[in-house]
Amino acid sequence: MVDLARDTDIAPNKAKSWPSILQDPGVDFLLHPLEIKKTEFPMKRDVCSLGMIDKLGQTIGPGGIICLCGTNLPLTDRFHSIPVAAL
């Protein structure tokens, strides 16, 4: 797993999200963008930062936002909300 950045480097305990990338070595190093957010209701606009991973020029697999939501729901065609309880 590669940790990209946090919302803030000044006060990490107050950061609201943590973007990361999981790399699957078994499938041509397929990248799975994930972000951890402190929200119960993720929205489609929340995955905008995950879409920037397309600029890396590598194969991108499904990803999502790990959050406090109650169920796994699609946000876009590639990204889902992932309940932290499912982990």
C-alpha atoms as a PDB file:
ATOM      1  CA  MET A   1       0.000   0.000   0.000  1.00  0.00           C
ATOM      2  CA  VAL A   2       1.233   3.469  -0.870  1.00  0.00           C
ATOM      3  CA  ASP A   3       0.125   6.354   1.318  1.00  0.00           C
ATOM      4  CA  LEU A   4      -0.220   9.431  -0.906  1.00  0.00           C
ATOM      5  CA  ALA A   5      -0.921  12.313   1.446  1.00  0.00           C
ATOM      6  CA  ARG A   6      -3.221  13.675   4.089  1.00  0.00           C
ATOM      7  CA  ASP A   7      -5.568  16.625   3.969  1.00  0.00           C
ATOM      8  CA  THR A   8      -3.296  18.462   6.331  1.00  0.00           C
ATOM      9  CA  ASP A   9       0.261  18.009   7.502  1.00  0.00           C
ATOM     10  CA  ILE A  10      -0.105  20.664  10.192  1.00  0.00           C
ATOM     11  CA  ALA A  11      -2.602  18.806  12.397  1.00  0.00           C
ATOM     12  CA  PRO A  12      -2.799  15.156  11.274  1.00  0.00           C
ATOM     13  CA  ASN A  13      -5.273  14.277  14.042  1.00  0.00           C
ATOM     14  CA  LYS A  14      -7.778  16.672  12.431  1.00  0.00           C
ATOM     15  CA  ALA A  15      -7.391  15.359   8.885  1.00  0.00           C
ATOM     16  CA  LYS A  16     -10.680  14.343   7.288  1.00  0.00           C
ATOM     17  CA  SER A  17      -9.397  11.849   4.728  1.00  0.00           C
ATOM     18  CA  TRP A  18      -6.412   9.684   3.852  1.00  0.00           C
ATOM     19  CA  PRO A  19      -5.951   8.702   0.187  1.00  0.00           C
ATOM     20  CA  SER A  20      -4.057   5.476  -0.527  1.00  0.00           C
ATOM     21  CA  ILE A  21      -3.367   3.136  -3.412  1.00  0.00           C
ATOM     22  CA  LEU A  22      -3.367  -0.648  -3.178  1.00  0.00           C
ATOM     23  CA  GLN A  23      -1.266  -2.380  -5.804  1.00  0.00           C
ATOM     24  CA  ASP A  24      -2.208  -5.883  -6.953  1.00  0.00           C
ATOM     25  CA  PRO A  25       0.979  -7.612  -8.157  1.00  0.00           C
ATOM     26  CA  GLY A  26      -0.975 -10.577  -9.509  1.00  0.00           C
ATOM     27  CA  VAL A  27      -2.788  -8.585 -12.210  1.00  0.00           C
ATOM     28  CA  ASP A  28      -0.171  -6.493 -14.043  1.00  0.00           C
ATOM     29  CA  PHE A  29       0.250  -4.320 -10.967  1.00  0.00           C
ATOM     30  CA  LEU A  30      -3.364  -3.146 -11.076  1.00  0.00           C
ATOM     31  CA  LEU A  31      -3.895  -0.078  -8.873  1.00  0.00           C
ATOM     32  CA  HIS A  32      -6.913   0.239  -6.552  1.00  0.00           C
ATOM     33  CA  PRO A  33      -7.410   3.801  -5.252  1.00  0.00           C
ATOM     34  CA  LEU A  34      -8.931   3.991  -1.774  1.00  0.00           C
ATOM     35  CA  GLU A  35      -9.655   6.858   0.549  1.00  0.00           C
ATOM     36  CA  ILE A  36     -10.633   6.755   4.200  1.00  0.00           C
ATOM     37  CA  LYS A  37     -13.144   9.457   5.156  1.00  0.00           C
ATOM     38  CA  LYS A  38     -14.901  10.404   8.381  1.00  0.00           C
ATOM     39  CA  THR A  39     -18.388  10.544   6.876  1.00  0.00           C
ATOM     40  CA  GLU A  40     -21.565   8.477   6.840  1.00  0.00           C
ATOM     41  CA  PHE A  41     -22.761   9.862   3.533  1.00  0.00           C
ATOM     42  CA  PRO A  42     -20.066   9.895   0.836  1.00  0.00           C
ATOM     43  CA  MET A  43     -21.009  11.636  -2.389  1.00  0.00           C
ATOM     44  CA  LYS A  44     -19.948  11.328  -5.996  1.00  0.00           C
ATOM     45  CA  ARG A  45     -17.853  14.508  -5.717  1.00  0.00           C
ATOM     46  CA  ASP A  46     -15.781  12.853  -2.960  1.00  0.00           C
ATOM     47  CA  VAL A  47     -14.140  10.533  -5.494  1.00  0.00           C
ATOM     48  CA  CYS A  48     -12.775  13.398  -7.628  1.00  0.00           C
ATOM     49  CA  SER A  49      -9.363  13.150  -5.969  1.00  0.00           C
ATOM     50  CA  LEU A  50      -9.312   9.401  -6.633  1.00  0.00           C
ATOM     51  CA  GLY A  51      -9.870  10.049 -10.333  1.00  0.00           C
ATOM     52  CA  MET A  52      -6.562  11.914 -10.523  1.00  0.00           C
ATOM     53  CA  ILE A  53      -4.799   8.564 -10.346  1.00  0.00           C
ATOM     54  CA  ASP A  54      -5.600   8.132 -14.069  1.00  0.00           C
ATOM     55  CA  LYS A  55      -2.681  10.472 -14.795  1.00  0.00           C
ATOM     56  CA  LEU A  56      -0.207   7.826 -13.593  1.00  0.00           C
ATOM     57  CA  GLY A  57      -0.570   5.924 -16.851  1.00  0.00           C
ATOM     58  CA  GLN A  58      -1.103   2.535 -15.177  1.00  0.00           C
ATOM     59  CA  THR A  59      -4.062   0.173 -15.211  1.00  0.00           C
ATOM     60  CA  ILE A  60      -6.624   1.298 -12.647  1.00  0.00           C
ATOM     61  CA  GLY A  61      -8.995  -1.173 -11.014  1.00  0.00           C
ATOM     62  CA  PRO A  62     -12.044  -0.578  -8.872  1.00  0.00           C
ATOM     63  CA  GLY A  63     -11.634   1.533  -5.761  1.00  0.00           C
ATOM     64  CA  GLY A  64     -13.686   3.357  -3.223  1.00  0.00           C
ATOM     65  CA  ILE A  65     -14.150   5.376  -0.102  1.00  0.00           C
ATOM     66  CA  ILE A  66     -13.900   3.537   3.199  1.00  0.00           C
ATOM     67  CA  CYS A  67     -16.291   5.371   5.507  1.00  0.00           C
ATOM     68  CA  LEU A  68     -18.914   5.106   8.239  1.00  0.00           C
ATOM     69  CA  CYS A  69     -21.754   4.342   5.812  1.00  0.00           C
ATOM     70  CA  GLY A  70     -24.057   1.414   6.494  1.00  0.00           C
ATOM     71  CA  THR A  71     -23.873  -0.370   3.139  1.00  0.00           C
ATOM     72  CA  ASN A  72     -21.717  -0.763   0.043  1.00  0.00           C
ATOM     73  CA  LEU A  73     -23.145   1.539  -2.643  1.00  0.00           C
ATOM     74  CA  PRO A  74     -21.801   2.615  -6.036  1.00  0.00           C
ATOM     75  CA  LEU A  75     -20.679   6.233  -6.234  1.00  0.00           C
ATOM     76  CA  THR A  76     -19.495   6.034  -9.856  1.00  0.00           C
ATOM     77  CA  ASP A  77     -18.889   3.201 -12.305  1.00  0.00           C
ATOM     78  CA  ARG A  78     -15.456   2.513 -10.718  1.00  0.00           C
ATOM     79  CA  PHE A  79     -15.790   3.703  -7.122  1.00  0.00           C
ATOM     80  CA  HIS A  80     -17.984   2.467  -4.245  1.00  0.00           C
ATOM     81  CA  SER A  81     -18.650   3.472  -0.689  1.00  0.00           C
ATOM     82  CA  ILE A  82     -17.163   0.757   1.536  1.00  0.00           C
ATOM     83  CA  PRO A  83     -18.435   0.466   5.121  1.00  0.00           C
ATOM     84  CA  VAL A  84     -15.603   0.315   7.623  1.00  0.00           C
ATOM     85  CA  ALA A  85     -17.614  -2.405   9.397  1.00  0.00           C
ATOM     86  CA  ALA A  86     -17.155  -4.626   6.316  1.00  0.00           C
ATOM     87  CA  LEU A  87     -13.420  -4.709   6.888  1.00  0.00           C
END
